[in-house]
Protein backbone atom coordinates (compact mmCIF):
# COMPACT_ATOMS: atom_id res chain seq x y z
CA MET A 1 -45.72 -25.26 13.35
CA PRO A 2 -46.23 -28.73 14.90
CA TYR A 3 -49.27 -29.20 17.11
CA VAL A 4 -50.54 -31.82 19.48
CA THR A 5 -53.63 -33.77 18.47
CA GLY A 6 -55.73 -36.17 20.45
CA GLY A 7 -57.88 -39.15 19.50
CA GLN A 8 -55.28 -40.82 17.33
CA SER A 9 -57.14 -44.13 17.07
CA ARG A 10 -56.72 -44.19 13.30
CA ILE A 11 -54.56 -46.23 10.98
CA ARG A 12 -54.82 -44.16 7.73
CA THR A 13 -53.16 -41.12 9.32
CA ASN A 14 -50.37 -40.82 11.84
CA THR A 15 -50.03 -37.15 12.78
CA PRO A 16 -47.64 -37.73 15.71
CA ALA A 17 -45.27 -39.57 13.36
CA GLU A 18 -45.48 -36.78 10.81
CA ASN A 19 -44.71 -34.20 13.50
CA ALA A 20 -41.75 -36.26 14.69
CA TYR A 21 -40.53 -36.65 11.10
CA ASN A 22 -40.76 -32.89 10.46
CA ALA A 23 -38.90 -32.20 13.69
CA LEU A 24 -36.24 -34.68 12.61
CA GLU A 25 -35.88 -32.94 9.24
CA ALA A 26 -35.55 -29.57 10.97
CA SER A 27 -32.85 -30.95 13.27
CA ASN A 28 -31.01 -32.45 10.29
CA ARG A 29 -31.04 -29.09 8.47
CA ILE A 30 -29.67 -27.34 11.54
CA ILE A 31 -26.96 -29.97 11.97
CA SER A 32 -25.96 -29.64 8.30
CA GLN A 33 -25.84 -25.87 8.58
CA LYS A 34 -23.74 -25.93 11.76
CA GLN A 35 -21.35 -28.50 10.33
CA LEU A 36 -20.91 -26.37 7.21
CA ARG A 37 -20.20 -23.26 9.25
CA LEU A 38 -17.74 -25.08 11.47
CA SER A 39 -15.94 -26.65 8.50
CA THR A 40 -15.67 -23.36 6.54
CA GLY A 41 -15.34 -21.03 9.52
CA LYS A 42 -17.92 -18.76 7.90
CA ARG A 43 -21.39 -17.84 9.14
CA ILE A 44 -22.42 -16.60 5.69
CA ASN A 45 -21.71 -19.23 3.05
CA SER A 46 -24.42 -18.08 0.66
CA ALA A 47 -26.81 -15.16 0.28
CA ALA A 48 -29.57 -17.28 1.84
CA ASP A 49 -27.72 -17.38 5.17
CA ASP A 50 -28.06 -13.62 5.70
CA VAL A 51 -29.43 -11.54 2.82
CA ALA A 52 -28.51 -8.13 4.22
CA GLY A 53 -25.23 -9.30 5.72
CA TYR A 54 -24.23 -10.88 2.41
CA ILE A 55 -24.65 -7.58 0.55
CA THR A 56 -22.79 -5.61 3.20
CA SER A 57 -19.90 -8.04 3.52
CA ARG A 58 -19.38 -8.23 -0.24
CA ALA A 59 -19.39 -4.43 -0.51
CA LEU A 60 -16.84 -4.22 2.31
CA ALA A 61 -14.68 -6.86 0.64
CA ALA A 62 -14.72 -4.94 -2.65
CA ARG A 63 -13.78 -1.73 -0.86
CA ASN A 64 -11.02 -3.51 1.02
CA GLY A 65 -9.58 -4.86 -2.22
CA ALA A 66 -9.37 -1.32 -3.59
CA LEU A 67 -7.62 -0.13 -0.41
CA LYS A 68 -5.07 -2.94 -0.71
CA SER A 69 -4.39 -1.88 -4.29
CA ALA A 70 -3.90 1.72 -3.14
CA LEU A 71 -1.54 0.52 -0.41
CA ARG A 72 0.62 -1.24 -2.98
CA THR A 73 0.70 1.95 -5.07
CA VAL A 74 1.72 4.01 -2.04
CA GLY A 75 4.50 1.49 -1.47
CA ASP A 76 5.70 2.03 -5.04
CA ALA A 77 5.67 5.79 -4.51
CA LEU A 78 7.67 5.41 -1.29
CA ASN A 79 10.20 3.26 -3.13
CA LEU A 80 10.51 5.99 -5.75
CA THR A 81 11.06 8.78 -3.22
CA SER A 82 13.58 6.66 -1.31
CA ILE A 83 15.59 6.11 -4.49
CA ALA A 84 15.44 9.80 -5.38
CA GLN A 85 16.35 10.86 -1.84
CA ASP A 86 19.35 8.56 -1.73
CA ALA A 87 20.56 9.84 -5.10
CA LEU A 88 20.20 13.48 -4.01
CA ASP A 89 22.15 12.74 -0.82
CA ASN A 90 24.88 11.18 -2.93
CA ILE A 91 24.97 14.21 -5.24
CA ASN A 92 25.07 16.51 -2.21
CA THR A 93 28.16 14.67 -0.96
CA LEU A 94 29.84 14.93 -4.36
CA ILE A 95 29.15 18.63 -4.88
CA THR A 96 30.29 19.33 -1.30
CA THR A 97 33.58 17.61 -2.10
CA ILE A 98 33.87 19.76 -5.24
CA LYS A 99 33.32 22.85 -3.07
CA ASP A 100 36.07 21.63 -0.73
CA SER A 101 38.42 21.34 -3.72
CA ALA A 102 37.53 24.87 -4.80
CA ALA A 103 38.11 26.12 -1.26
CA SER A 104 41.51 24.45 -1.20
CA ALA A 105 42.35 26.00 -4.58
CA SER A 106 41.66 29.45 -3.16
CA SER A 107 44.67 29.12 -0.86
CA GLY A 108 47.68 31.16 -1.90
CA ALA A 109 49.93 28.41 -0.55
CA LEU A 110 49.07 26.17 -3.50
CA GLY A 111 50.87 26.32 -6.80
CA THR A 112 49.38 26.13 -10.27
CA ASP A 113 49.94 22.39 -10.65
CA GLU A 114 48.14 21.68 -7.36
CA LYS A 115 45.17 23.82 -8.42
CA VAL A 116 44.94 22.08 -11.77
CA ALA A 117 45.05 18.70 -10.02
CA LEU A 118 42.21 19.78 -7.71
CA ALA A 119 40.14 20.96 -10.69
CA LYS A 120 40.66 17.70 -12.60
CA ALA A 121 39.71 15.66 -9.52
CA ALA A 122 36.62 17.85 -9.06
CA TYR A 123 35.68 17.27 -12.72
CA ARG A 124 35.77 13.52 -12.15
CA LEU A 125 33.28 14.07 -9.32
CA ALA A 126 31.11 16.14 -11.67
CA GLN A 127 31.13 13.19 -14.08
CA GLN A 128 30.05 10.98 -11.19
CA ILE A 129 27.16 13.35 -10.50
CA GLN A 130 26.01 12.77 -14.07
CA THR A 131 26.36 9.02 -13.54
CA VAL A 132 24.15 9.25 -10.45
CA VAL A 133 21.53 11.20 -12.43
CA ASP A 134 21.62 8.72 -15.31
CA SER A 135 21.40 5.64 -13.06
CA THR A 136 18.58 6.90 -10.84
CA VAL A 137 15.78 4.98 -12.53
CA PHE A 138 12.42 3.65 -11.33
CA GLY A 139 9.91 1.82 -13.45
CA GLY A 140 11.97 2.45 -16.58
CA GLN A 141 11.97 6.24 -16.08
CA GLN A 142 14.78 8.65 -15.20
CA LEU A 143 13.92 10.37 -11.92
CA LEU A 144 16.48 13.20 -11.80
CA SER A 145 16.92 14.07 -15.46
CA GLY A 146 14.46 16.94 -15.05
CA ALA A 147 11.45 15.48 -16.85
CA PHE A 148 9.86 13.04 -14.40
CA THR A 149 6.32 13.57 -13.14
CA GLY A 150 4.01 10.82 -11.95
CA GLU A 151 0.58 10.48 -10.35
CA PHE A 152 -0.02 7.74 -7.81
CA VAL A 153 -3.40 6.49 -6.60
CA VAL A 154 -3.40 6.73 -2.80
CA GLY A 155 -7.10 6.09 -2.08
CA PHE A 156 -10.72 6.22 -3.21
CA ASN A 157 -13.67 8.26 -2.00
CA ALA A 158 -17.22 6.98 -1.43
CA ALA A 159 -18.06 7.31 -5.14
CA ASN A 160 -14.89 5.34 -6.03
CA THR A 161 -13.30 8.45 -7.51
CA LEU A 162 -9.50 8.12 -7.55
CA LEU A 163 -7.54 10.08 -4.97
CA THR A 164 -4.15 10.74 -6.55
CA PHE A 165 -0.88 12.27 -5.44
CA LEU A 166 1.53 13.97 -7.83
CA ILE A 167 5.29 13.53 -7.54
CA ASP A 168 6.91 16.24 -9.65
CA LEU A 169 10.68 16.04 -10.15
CA SER A 170 10.70 18.21 -13.25
CA THR A 171 13.04 21.17 -13.66
CA SER A 172 10.25 23.75 -13.37
CA ASN A 173 8.61 22.58 -10.14
CA VAL A 174 7.91 25.78 -8.16
CA ASP A 175 7.63 23.78 -4.93
CA TYR A 176 11.42 23.45 -4.92
CA ASN A 177 11.51 27.11 -3.82
CA ILE A 178 14.45 27.84 -6.10
CA THR A 179 14.82 31.38 -7.39
CA SER A 180 15.39 30.46 -11.03
CA ASN A 181 12.68 27.74 -11.06
CA ASN A 182 14.95 25.72 -13.34
CA PHE A 183 16.55 22.93 -11.34
CA ASN A 184 18.80 20.89 -13.59
CA ILE A 185 21.55 18.60 -12.30
CA ASN A 186 22.65 17.09 -15.60
CA ALA A 187 26.23 18.05 -14.77
CA MET A 188 27.61 17.34 -18.24
CA SER A 189 25.02 19.25 -20.24
CA THR A 190 23.84 22.33 -18.34
CA THR A 191 25.40 25.73 -17.85
CA ASN A 192 23.08 26.43 -14.93
CA PHE A 193 23.79 23.50 -12.64
CA ALA A 194 21.22 23.07 -9.83
CA GLY A 195 19.45 26.24 -10.97
CA VAL A 196 22.51 28.48 -10.44
CA THR A 197 23.04 30.86 -13.34
CA GLY A 198 26.42 30.37 -15.01
CA LEU A 199 27.51 27.36 -12.94
CA ASP A 200 28.99 24.96 -15.52
CA LEU A 201 30.75 21.98 -13.94
CA THR A 202 32.30 20.97 -17.27
CA SER A 203 34.48 24.11 -16.99
CA LEU A 204 36.42 22.28 -14.27
CA ASP A 205 37.99 20.20 -17.04
CA ALA A 206 39.08 23.39 -18.82
CA VAL A 207 41.33 24.44 -15.93
CA SER A 208 44.96 24.27 -17.03
CA SER A 209 48.33 25.58 -16.00
CA SER A 210 48.02 28.32 -18.63
CA ASP A 211 44.47 29.28 -17.67
CA LEU A 212 43.11 28.44 -14.22
CA GLY A 213 39.64 29.58 -15.32
CA ILE A 214 37.08 29.21 -12.53
CA PHE A 215 39.90 28.32 -10.12
CA SER A 216 41.79 31.56 -10.83
CA ASN A 217 42.02 34.26 -8.21
CA ALA A 218 39.63 36.42 -10.25
CA PHE A 219 36.86 33.80 -10.31
CA ILE A 220 37.40 31.53 -7.32
CA SER A 221 35.13 33.60 -5.06
CA THR A 222 32.29 33.43 -7.58
CA THR A 223 32.92 29.71 -8.02
CA LEU A 224 32.66 29.09 -4.27
CA THR A 225 29.47 31.18 -4.01
CA SER A 226 27.85 29.41 -6.95
CA ILE A 227 28.70 25.94 -5.65
CA ALA A 228 27.38 26.86 -2.20
CA GLU A 229 24.12 28.02 -3.80
CA ALA A 230 23.95 24.78 -5.78
CA ILE A 231 24.33 22.77 -2.57
CA ASN A 232 21.52 24.79 -1.00
CA ASN A 233 19.26 24.17 -4.01
CA ILE A 234 19.98 20.44 -3.95
CA ASN A 235 19.05 20.44 -0.27
CA LYS A 236 15.77 22.21 -1.09
CA VAL A 237 14.87 19.53 -3.62
CA ALA A 238 15.81 16.82 -1.13
CA SER A 239 13.54 18.53 1.42
CA TYR A 240 10.70 18.52 -1.12
CA VAL A 241 11.19 14.78 -1.63
CA GLY A 242 11.34 14.30 2.13
CA GLY A 243 8.02 16.08 2.54
CA ILE A 244 6.46 13.78 -0.05
CA THR A 245 7.87 10.79 1.80
CA ASN A 246 6.32 11.97 5.07
CA ARG A 247 2.89 12.36 3.47
CA LEU A 248 3.12 8.96 1.77
CA THR A 249 4.17 7.34 5.05
CA SER A 250 1.14 8.87 6.74
CA GLN A 251 -1.12 7.62 3.96
CA GLU A 252 0.42 4.17 4.21
CA GLU A 253 -0.33 4.02 7.95
CA LEU A 254 -3.90 5.24 7.29
CA LEU A 255 -4.51 2.59 4.64
CA LYS A 256 -3.10 -0.17 6.82
CA GLY A 257 -5.41 0.85 9.65
CA GLN A 258 -8.41 1.05 7.33
CA ILE A 259 -7.68 -2.39 5.87
CA VAL A 260 -7.51 -3.90 9.35
CA ASN A 261 -10.81 -2.24 10.29
CA TYR A 262 -12.50 -3.46 7.12
CA ASN A 263 -11.21 -6.98 7.75
CA ALA A 264 -12.66 -6.81 11.26
CA ALA A 265 -16.02 -5.60 9.92
CA ILE A 266 -16.13 -8.38 7.33
CA SER A 267 -15.18 -10.91 10.00
CA ARG A 268 -17.98 -9.80 12.30
CA LEU A 269 -20.47 -10.30 9.48
CA GLU A 270 -19.13 -13.42 7.78
CA ASP A 271 -17.13 -15.45 10.26
CA ALA A 272 -18.73 -18.09 12.43
CA ASP A 273 -18.63 -17.96 16.23
CA VAL A 274 -17.18 -21.44 16.67
CA ALA A 275 -18.24 -21.78 20.32
CA LEU A 276 -21.83 -20.76 19.57
CA GLU A 277 -22.08 -22.92 16.46
CA GLN A 278 -20.75 -25.93 18.36
CA LEU A 279 -23.24 -25.33 21.16
CA GLU A 280 -26.16 -25.19 18.72
CA LEU A 281 -24.84 -28.26 16.89
CA ILE A 282 -24.89 -30.31 20.08
CA LYS A 283 -28.41 -29.07 20.86
CA ALA A 284 -29.58 -30.03 17.36
CA GLN A 285 -27.98 -33.47 17.71
CA PHE A 286 -29.90 -34.05 20.96
CA LEU A 287 -33.12 -33.01 19.22
CA GLN A 288 -32.28 -35.33 16.33
CA GLN A 289 -31.97 -38.28 18.69
CA ALA A 290 -35.19 -37.34 20.48
CA SER A 291 -37.03 -37.03 17.14
CA LEU A 292 -35.82 -40.45 16.05
CA ILE A 293 -37.08 -42.00 19.29
CA SER A 294 -40.42 -40.13 19.01
CA LEU A 295 -40.80 -41.21 15.39
CA ALA A 296 -40.19 -44.83 16.28
CA GLN A 297 -42.74 -44.66 19.08
CA ALA A 298 -45.37 -42.87 16.93
CA ASN A 299 -45.00 -45.48 14.22
CA GLN A 300 -46.08 -48.14 16.74
CA ASN A 301 -49.52 -46.52 17.33
CA PRO A 302 -51.30 -47.84 14.15
CA THR A 303 -49.93 -51.31 14.88
CA ASN A 304 -51.50 -51.21 18.32
CA TYR A 305 -54.94 -50.37 16.89
CA LEU A 306 -54.72 -53.17 14.34
CA GLN A 307 -55.11 -55.53 17.30
CA LEU A 308 -58.77 -54.50 17.49
CA LEU A 309 -59.34 -55.99 14.01
CA ARG A 310 -57.98 -59.38 14.95
CA GLY A 311 -60.70 -60.28 17.44
């Protein structure tokens, strides 16, 4: 702390000059600090600027980085469910068209050739269902083949333990709420399409003028019932995927809000208040000028006393 001294009629020491010099150095340090903060926009440029704030801001930044990573993962999961949902909607449209063909074939006004034509057209749609299943891919994995399961990191708790969310599109997922618990829409390889016992879409290709098969009067009612049940099961799976999408959307909104709040907290700790820093810079510059003037004046004192030795 500088202090005022009297009786400065000495030439070996110059306390006023030393005080002025120290004040000048202090002003220079303040000016350097304010210029650094204004140029970087940050109040904390090193741990020395604010020891506690430095620790807190770095911890918040690390946490925020993890949340951003989780947000990207949630985005991937949403992309996956969107692809699966779109494919299921497409399959629903195809199987509904097949049901319409079967309904038309049940009419007594149609002849055998017309019924065979309807069955062959329906079989082409069944082949398209298989194409949809085979082409519904995300991250190199088939989504609707009946084997896909995947865990996605959607957050972290205070101990940095992973918070994960399972997306299960396997055939045995009980959350589908399907009676048989065996949802399989590989139209070209299953005899229980969409979990319906005995529904084999490949039998559409076996319909002929000599044997109408599942389009015959004896079986058409069962065919219509089975296809209707398949449509209902497909809708149940689509609803399951929709529920997952809703939860992921909620988590995405939560993470976005948390990231913004963490950014705000980091900003309050790290970022410089430009108006305040500029104000203090100007004050320090005034003190610097005053110190320079005081130093110049104090340096004249020993010279004045040397006049006494010239007598």
